Amino acid sequence: EDTAVYYCNLGSFERGGIFRSAYWGEGTQVTVS
């Protein structure tokens, strides 16, 4: 169930600890058999 495309994001934490995205990568595929 961890199988997915994984993305890295540069961002910041806003009030309440909410993560806000700024820059995305294109992702890397993880497949777990």
All heavy atoms as atom14 arrays in JSON, in Angstrom:
{
  "sequence": "EDTAVYYCNLGSFERGGIFRSAYWGEGTQVTVS",
  "atom14_mask": [
    [1, 1, 1, 1, 1, 1, 1, 1, 1, 0, 0, 0, 0, 0],
    [1, 1, 1, 1, 1, 1, 1, 1, 0, 0, 0, 0, 0, 0],
    [1, 1, 1, 1, 1, 1, 1, 0, 0, 0, 0, 0, 0, 0],
    [1, 1, 1, 1, 1, 0, 0, 0, 0, 0, 0, 0, 0, 0],
    [1, 1, 1, 1, 1, 1, 1, 0, 0, 0, 0, 0, 0, 0],
    [1, 1, 1, 1, 1, 1, 1, 1, 1, 1, 1, 1, 0, 0],
    [1, 1, 1, 1, 1, 1, 1, 1, 1, 1, 1, 1, 0, 0],
    [1, 1, 1, 1, 1, 1, 0, 0, 0, 0, 0, 0, 0, 0],
    [1, 1, 1, 1, 1, 1, 1, 1, 0, 0, 0, 0, 0, 0],
    [1, 1, 1, 1, 1, 1, 1, 1, 0, 0, 0, 0, 0, 0],
    [1, 1, 1, 1, 0, 0, 0, 0, 0, 0, 0, 0, 0, 0],
    [1, 1, 1, 1, 1, 1, 0, 0, 0, 0, 0, 0, 0, 0],
    [1, 1, 1, 1, 1, 1, 1, 1, 1, 1, 1, 0, 0, 0],
    [1, 1, 1, 1, 1, 1, 1, 1, 1, 0, 0, 0, 0, 0],
    [1, 1, 1, 1, 1, 1, 1, 1, 1, 1, 1, 0, 0, 0],
    [1, 1, 1, 1, 0, 0, 0, 0, 0, 0, 0, 0, 0, 0],
    [1, 1, 1, 1, 0, 0, 0, 0, 0, 0, 0, 0, 0, 0],
    [1, 1, 1, 1, 1, 1, 1, 1, 0, 0, 0, 0, 0, 0],
    [1, 1, 1, 1, 1, 1, 1, 1, 1, 1, 1, 0, 0, 0],
    [1, 1, 1, 1, 1, 1, 1, 1, 1, 1, 1, 0, 0, 0],
    [1, 1, 1, 1, 1, 1, 0, 0, 0, 0, 0, 0, 0, 0],
    [1, 1, 1, 1, 1, 0, 0, 0, 0, 0, 0, 0, 0, 0],
    [1, 1, 1, 1, 1, 1, 1, 1, 1, 1, 1, 1, 0, 0],
    [1, 1, 1, 1, 1, 1, 1, 1, 1, 1, 1, 1, 1, 1],
    [1, 1, 1, 1, 0, 0, 0, 0, 0, 0, 0, 0, 0, 0],
    [1, 1, 1, 1, 1, 1, 1, 1, 1, 0, 0, 0, 0, 0],
    [1, 1, 1, 1, 0, 0, 0, 0, 0, 0, 0, 0, 0, 0],
    [1, 1, 1, 1, 1, 1, 1, 0, 0, 0, 0, 0, 0, 0],
    [1, 1, 1, 1, 1, 1, 1, 1, 1, 0, 0, 0, 0, 0],
    [1, 1, 1, 1, 1, 1, 1, 0, 0, 0, 0, 0, 0, 0],
    [1, 1, 1, 1, 1, 1, 1, 0, 0, 0, 0, 0, 0, 0],
    [1, 1, 1, 1, 1, 1, 1, 0, 0, 0, 0, 0, 0, 0],
    [1, 1, 1, 1, 1, 1, 0, 0, 0, 0, 0, 0, 0, 0]
  ],
  "atom14_positions": [
    [[0.8, -1.21, 0.0], [0.0, 0.0, 0.0], [0.84, 1.27, 0.0], [0.29, 2.37, -0.14], [-0.99, 0.02, 1.18], [-0.35, -0.24, 2.53], [-0.5, -1.69, 2.98], [-0.28, -2.6, 2.16], [-0.85, -1.91, 4.16], [0.0, 0.0, 0.0], [0.0, 0.0, 0.0], [0.0, 0.0, 0.0], [0.0, 0.0, 0.0], [0.0, 0.0, 0.0]],
    [[2.14, 1.14, 0.16], [3.03, 2.29, 0.03], [3.34, 2.61, -1.43], [3.98, 3.63, -1.72], [4.34, 2.05, 0.77], [4.16, 1.92, 2.27], [3.35, 2.67, 2.84], [4.85, 1.07, 2.88], [0.0, 0.0, 0.0], [0.0, 0.0, 0.0], [0.0, 0.0, 0.0], [0.0, 0.0, 0.0], [0.0, 0.0, 0.0], [0.0, 0.0, 0.0]],
    [[2.92, 1.75, -2.33], [3.17, 1.97, -3.75], [2.54, 3.27, -4.2], [1.34, 3.48, -4.03], [2.64, 0.8, -4.57], [3.35, -0.39, -4.24], [2.79, 1.07, -6.06], [0.0, 0.0, 0.0], [0.0, 0.0, 0.0], [0.0, 0.0, 0.0], [0.0, 0.0, 0.0], [0.0, 0.0, 0.0], [0.0, 0.0, 0.0], [0.0, 0.0, 0.0]],
    [[3.34, 4.14, -4.78], [2.86, 5.44, -5.2], [4.01, 6.18, -5.87], [5.16, 5.74, -5.84], [2.35, 6.26, -4.01], [0.0, 0.0, 0.0], [0.0, 0.0, 0.0], [0.0, 0.0, 0.0], [0.0, 0.0, 0.0], [0.0, 0.0, 0.0], [0.0, 0.0, 0.0], [0.0, 0.0, 0.0], [0.0, 0.0, 0.0], [0.0, 0.0, 0.0]],
    [[3.69, 7.31, -6.46], [4.71, 8.26, -6.85], [4.95, 9.18, -5.67], [4.01, 9.74, -5.11], [4.31, 9.07, -8.09], [5.38, 10.1, -8.43], [4.08, 8.14, -9.28], [0.0, 0.0, 0.0], [0.0, 0.0, 0.0], [0.0, 0.0, 0.0], [0.0, 0.0, 0.0], [0.0, 0.0, 0.0], [0.0, 0.0, 0.0], [0.0, 0.0, 0.0]],
    [[6.19, 9.33, -5.3], [6.56, 10.14, -4.15], [7.14, 11.47, -4.63], [8.01, 11.5, -5.49], [7.56, 9.41, -3.26], [6.9, 8.35, -2.42], [6.45, 7.17, -3.0], [6.7, 8.53, -1.05], [5.82, 6.2, -2.24], [6.08, 7.56, -0.28], [5.63, 6.4, -0.89], [5.01, 5.43, -0.12], [0.0, 0.0, 0.0], [0.0, 0.0, 0.0]],
    [[6.63, 12.54, -4.04], [7.01, 13.88, -4.43], [7.63, 14.63, -3.26], [7.16, 14.54, -2.13], [5.79, 14.68, -4.9], [5.1, 14.13, -6.11], [4.09, 13.19, -6.0], [5.46, 14.57, -7.39], [3.45, 12.69, -7.12], [4.82, 14.07, -8.51], [3.82, 13.14, -8.37], [3.17, 12.65, -9.48], [0.0, 0.0, 0.0], [0.0, 0.0, 0.0]],
    [[8.64, 15.38, -3.57], [9.26, 16.28, -2.62], [8.74, 17.69, -2.84], [8.54, 18.11, -3.99], [10.78, 16.24, -2.8], [11.72, 17.33, -1.71], [0.0, 0.0, 0.0], [0.0, 0.0, 0.0], [0.0, 0.0, 0.0], [0.0, 0.0, 0.0], [0.0, 0.0, 0.0], [0.0, 0.0, 0.0], [0.0, 0.0, 0.0], [0.0, 0.0, 0.0]],
    [[8.51, 18.39, -1.76], [8.01, 19.75, -1.87], [8.73, 20.67, -0.9], [8.88, 20.35, 0.28], [6.51, 19.78, -1.58], [5.92, 21.16, -1.76], [5.79, 21.91, -0.8], [5.56, 21.49, -2.99], [0.0, 0.0, 0.0], [0.0, 0.0, 0.0], [0.0, 0.0, 0.0], [0.0, 0.0, 0.0], [0.0, 0.0, 0.0], [0.0, 0.0, 0.0]],
    [[9.15, 21.81, -1.41], [9.71, 22.86, -0.59], [8.59, 23.83, -0.24], [7.86, 24.28, -1.11], [10.82, 23.6, -1.33], [12.21, 22.99, -1.39], [12.19, 21.6, -2.01], [13.15, 23.91, -2.16], [0.0, 0.0, 0.0], [0.0, 0.0, 0.0], [0.0, 0.0, 0.0], [0.0, 0.0, 0.0], [0.0, 0.0, 0.0], [0.0, 0.0, 0.0]],
    [[8.46, 24.14, 1.04], [7.38, 25.01, 1.45], [7.65, 25.67, 2.78], [8.79, 26.0, 3.11], [0.0, 0.0, 0.0], [0.0, 0.0, 0.0], [0.0, 0.0, 0.0], [0.0, 0.0, 0.0], [0.0, 0.0, 0.0], [0.0, 0.0, 0.0], [0.0, 0.0, 0.0], [0.0, 0.0, 0.0], [0.0, 0.0, 0.0], [0.0, 0.0, 0.0]],
    [[6.59, 25.85, 3.52], [6.7, 26.52, 4.81], [5.53, 26.1, 5.68], [4.49, 25.64, 5.19], [6.72, 28.03, 4.65], [5.52, 28.5, 4.04], [0.0, 0.0, 0.0], [0.0, 0.0, 0.0], [0.0, 0.0, 0.0], [0.0, 0.0, 0.0], [0.0, 0.0, 0.0], [0.0, 0.0, 0.0], [0.0, 0.0, 0.0], [0.0, 0.0, 0.0]],
    [[5.7, 26.29, 6.96], [4.61, 26.05, 7.9], [3.93, 27.37, 8.22], [4.57, 28.35, 8.58], [5.12, 25.41, 9.18], [5.43, 23.95, 9.04], [6.73, 23.5, 8.99], [4.39, 23.03, 8.96], [7.01, 22.16, 8.86], [4.66, 21.68, 8.83], [5.98, 21.25, 8.78], [0.0, 0.0, 0.0], [0.0, 0.0, 0.0], [0.0, 0.0, 0.0]],
    [[2.63, 27.37, 8.07], [1.82, 28.53, 8.4], [1.23, 28.35, 9.78], [1.53, 27.39, 10.49], [0.73, 28.72, 7.35], [1.25, 28.86, 5.93], [2.1, 30.08, 5.71], [1.93, 31.08, 6.47], [2.94, 30.07, 4.8], [0.0, 0.0, 0.0], [0.0, 0.0, 0.0], [0.0, 0.0, 0.0], [0.0, 0.0, 0.0], [0.0, 0.0, 0.0]],
    [[0.4, 29.31, 10.15], [-0.25, 29.26, 11.46], [-0.96, 27.93, 11.66], [-1.64, 27.43, 10.76], [-1.24, 30.42, 11.58], [-2.01, 30.45, 12.89], [-2.96, 31.64, 12.93], [-3.79, 31.61, 14.11], [-3.43, 32.09, 15.29], [-2.24, 32.62, 15.46], [-4.27, 32.02, 16.32], [0.0, 0.0, 0.0], [0.0, 0.0, 0.0], [0.0, 0.0, 0.0]],
    [[-0.77, 27.37, 12.83], [-1.37, 26.1, 13.15], [-0.56, 24.91, 12.69], [-1.01, 23.77, 12.84], [0.0, 0.0, 0.0], [0.0, 0.0, 0.0], [0.0, 0.0, 0.0], [0.0, 0.0, 0.0], [0.0, 0.0, 0.0], [0.0, 0.0, 0.0], [0.0, 0.0, 0.0], [0.0, 0.0, 0.0], [0.0, 0.0, 0.0], [0.0, 0.0, 0.0]],
    [[0.6, 25.16, 12.14], [1.44, 24.07, 11.69], [1.05, 23.49, 10.35], [1.47, 22.38, 10.0], [0.0, 0.0, 0.0], [0.0, 0.0, 0.0], [0.0, 0.0, 0.0], [0.0, 0.0, 0.0], [0.0, 0.0, 0.0], [0.0, 0.0, 0.0], [0.0, 0.0, 0.0], [0.0, 0.0, 0.0], [0.0, 0.0, 0.0], [0.0, 0.0, 0.0]],
    [[0.25, 24.2, 9.6], [-0.19, 23.73, 8.3], [0.92, 23.93, 7.26], [1.44, 25.03, 7.1], [-1.46, 24.45, 7.84], [-2.57, 24.3, 8.88], [-1.92, 23.93, 6.48], [-2.95, 22.88, 9.17], [0.0, 0.0, 0.0], [0.0, 0.0, 0.0], [0.0, 0.0, 0.0], [0.0, 0.0, 0.0], [0.0, 0.0, 0.0], [0.0, 0.0, 0.0]],
    [[1.25, 22.86, 6.57], [2.29, 22.94, 5.56], [1.74, 23.53, 4.28], [0.7, 23.09, 3.78], [2.87, 21.55, 5.28], [4.03, 21.57, 4.33], [5.3, 21.89, 4.78], [3.85, 21.27, 2.99], [6.37, 21.92, 3.9], [4.91, 21.3, 2.11], [6.18, 21.63, 2.57], [0.0, 0.0, 0.0], [0.0, 0.0, 0.0], [0.0, 0.0, 0.0]],
    [[2.44, 24.51, 3.76], [2.05, 25.14, 2.52], [3.15, 24.95, 1.49], [4.3, 25.3, 1.73], [1.76, 26.62, 2.72], [1.12, 27.27, 1.51], [0.38, 28.52, 1.89], [-0.32, 29.1, 0.75], [-1.58, 28.86, 0.44], [-2.32, 28.06, 1.21], [-2.12, 29.43, -0.62], [0.0, 0.0, 0.0], [0.0, 0.0, 0.0], [0.0, 0.0, 0.0]],
    [[2.77, 24.43, 0.35], [3.75, 24.08, -0.67], [4.21, 25.3, -1.45], [3.49, 26.29, -1.58], [3.16, 23.05, -1.63], [2.06, 23.6, -2.33], [0.0, 0.0, 0.0], [0.0, 0.0, 0.0], [0.0, 0.0, 0.0], [0.0, 0.0, 0.0], [0.0, 0.0, 0.0], [0.0, 0.0, 0.0], [0.0, 0.0, 0.0], [0.0, 0.0, 0.0]],
    [[5.42, 25.2, -1.98], [5.96, 26.25, -2.83], [6.52, 25.69, -4.13], [6.17, 26.14, -5.22], [7.04, 27.03, -2.09], [0.0, 0.0, 0.0], [0.0, 0.0, 0.0], [0.0, 0.0, 0.0], [0.0, 0.0, 0.0], [0.0, 0.0, 0.0], [0.0, 0.0, 0.0], [0.0, 0.0, 0.0], [0.0, 0.0, 0.0], [0.0, 0.0, 0.0]],
    [[7.39, 24.69, -4.03], [8.03, 24.1, -5.21], [7.92, 22.58, -5.15], [8.25, 21.97, -4.13], [9.49, 24.51, -5.3], [9.7, 26.0, -5.4], [10.08, 26.75, -4.29], [9.52, 26.66, -6.61], [10.27, 28.12, -4.38], [9.72, 28.03, -6.7], [10.09, 28.75, -5.59], [10.28, 30.11, -5.68], [0.0, 0.0, 0.0], [0.0, 0.0, 0.0]],
    [[7.49, 22.02, -6.26], [7.33, 20.57, -6.38], [8.4, 19.96, -7.26], [8.85, 20.57, -8.24], [5.98, 20.23, -7.01], [4.79, 20.49, -6.16], [3.97, 21.58, -6.2], [4.25, 19.63, -5.15], [2.96, 21.45, -5.29], [3.1, 20.27, -4.63], [4.62, 18.39, -4.65], [2.33, 19.7, -3.62], [3.86, 17.82, -3.64], [2.73, 18.47, -3.14]],
    [[8.77, 18.75, -6.92], [9.54, 17.93, -7.82], [8.62, 17.17, -8.75], [7.39, 17.26, -8.66], [0.0, 0.0, 0.0], [0.0, 0.0, 0.0], [0.0, 0.0, 0.0], [0.0, 0.0, 0.0], [0.0, 0.0, 0.0], [0.0, 0.0, 0.0], [0.0, 0.0, 0.0], [0.0, 0.0, 0.0], [0.0, 0.0, 0.0], [0.0, 0.0, 0.0]],
    [[9.2, 16.4, -9.64], [8.4, 15.65, -10.61], [8.03, 14.25, -10.12], [7.21, 13.58, -10.75], [9.13, 15.54, -11.95], [10.44, 14.76, -11.88], [11.18, 14.77, -13.2], [10.88, 15.63, -14.06], [12.07, 13.92, -13.39], [0.0, 0.0, 0.0], [0.0, 0.0, 0.0], [0.0, 0.0, 0.0], [0.0, 0.0, 0.0], [0.0, 0.0, 0.0]],
    [[8.6, 13.83, -9.04], [8.23, 12.57, -8.43], [9.14, 11.42, -8.78], [9.83, 11.42, -9.79], [0.0, 0.0, 0.0], [0.0, 0.0, 0.0], [0.0, 0.0, 0.0], [0.0, 0.0, 0.0], [0.0, 0.0, 0.0], [0.0, 0.0, 0.0], [0.0, 0.0, 0.0], [0.0, 0.0, 0.0], [0.0, 0.0, 0.0], [0.0, 0.0, 0.0]],
    [[9.13, 10.42, -7.93], [9.85, 9.18, -8.17], [8.95, 8.02, -7.78], [8.28, 8.05, -6.75], [11.19, 9.16, -7.39], [11.92, 7.98, -7.73], [10.98, 9.2, -5.88], [0.0, 0.0, 0.0], [0.0, 0.0, 0.0], [0.0, 0.0, 0.0], [0.0, 0.0, 0.0], [0.0, 0.0, 0.0], [0.0, 0.0, 0.0], [0.0, 0.0, 0.0]],
    [[8.91, 7.01, -8.63], [8.0, 5.9, -8.45], [8.54, 4.9, -7.44], [9.68, 4.45, -7.54], [7.74, 5.19, -9.78], [6.87, 3.94, -9.68], [5.42, 4.25, -9.39], [4.84, 5.13, -10.03], [4.85, 3.55, -8.42], [0.0, 0.0, 0.0], [0.0, 0.0, 0.0], [0.0, 0.0, 0.0], [0.0, 0.0, 0.0], [0.0, 0.0, 0.0]],
    [[7.7, 4.55, -6.49], [8.0, 3.49, -5.54], [6.96, 2.39, -5.73], [5.76, 2.65, -5.65], [7.97, 3.99, -4.09], [8.08, 2.83, -3.1], [9.09, 4.99, -3.86], [0.0, 0.0, 0.0], [0.0, 0.0, 0.0], [0.0, 0.0, 0.0], [0.0, 0.0, 0.0], [0.0, 0.0, 0.0], [0.0, 0.0, 0.0], [0.0, 0.0, 0.0]],
    [[7.43, 1.2, -5.98], [6.54, 0.05, -6.14], [6.96, -1.03, -5.17], [8.12, -1.46, -5.17], [6.59, -0.48, -7.58], [6.24, 0.56, -8.49], [5.61, -1.64, -7.75], [0.0, 0.0, 0.0], [0.0, 0.0, 0.0], [0.0, 0.0, 0.0], [0.0, 0.0, 0.0], [0.0, 0.0, 0.0], [0.0, 0.0, 0.0], [0.0, 0.0, 0.0]],
    [[6.02, -1.47, -4.37], [6.28, -2.49, -3.36], [5.47, -3.73, -3.73], [4.24, -3.68, -3.76], [5.92, -2.02, -1.95], [6.31, -3.08, -0.93], [6.61, -0.7, -1.65], [0.0, 0.0, 0.0], [0.0, 0.0, 0.0], [0.0, 0.0, 0.0], [0.0, 0.0, 0.0], [0.0, 0.0, 0.0], [0.0, 0.0, 0.0], [0.0, 0.0, 0.0]],
    [[6.15, -4.81, -4.0], [5.49, -6.04, -4.38], [5.21, -6.89, -3.15], [5.93, -6.84, -2.15], [6.34, -6.82, -5.38], [7.58, -7.19, -4.81], [0.0, 0.0, 0.0], [0.0, 0.0, 0.0], [0.0, 0.0, 0.0], [0.0, 0.0, 0.0], [0.0, 0.0, 0.0], [0.0, 0.0, 0.0], [0.0, 0.0, 0.0], [0.0, 0.0, 0.0]]
  ]
}
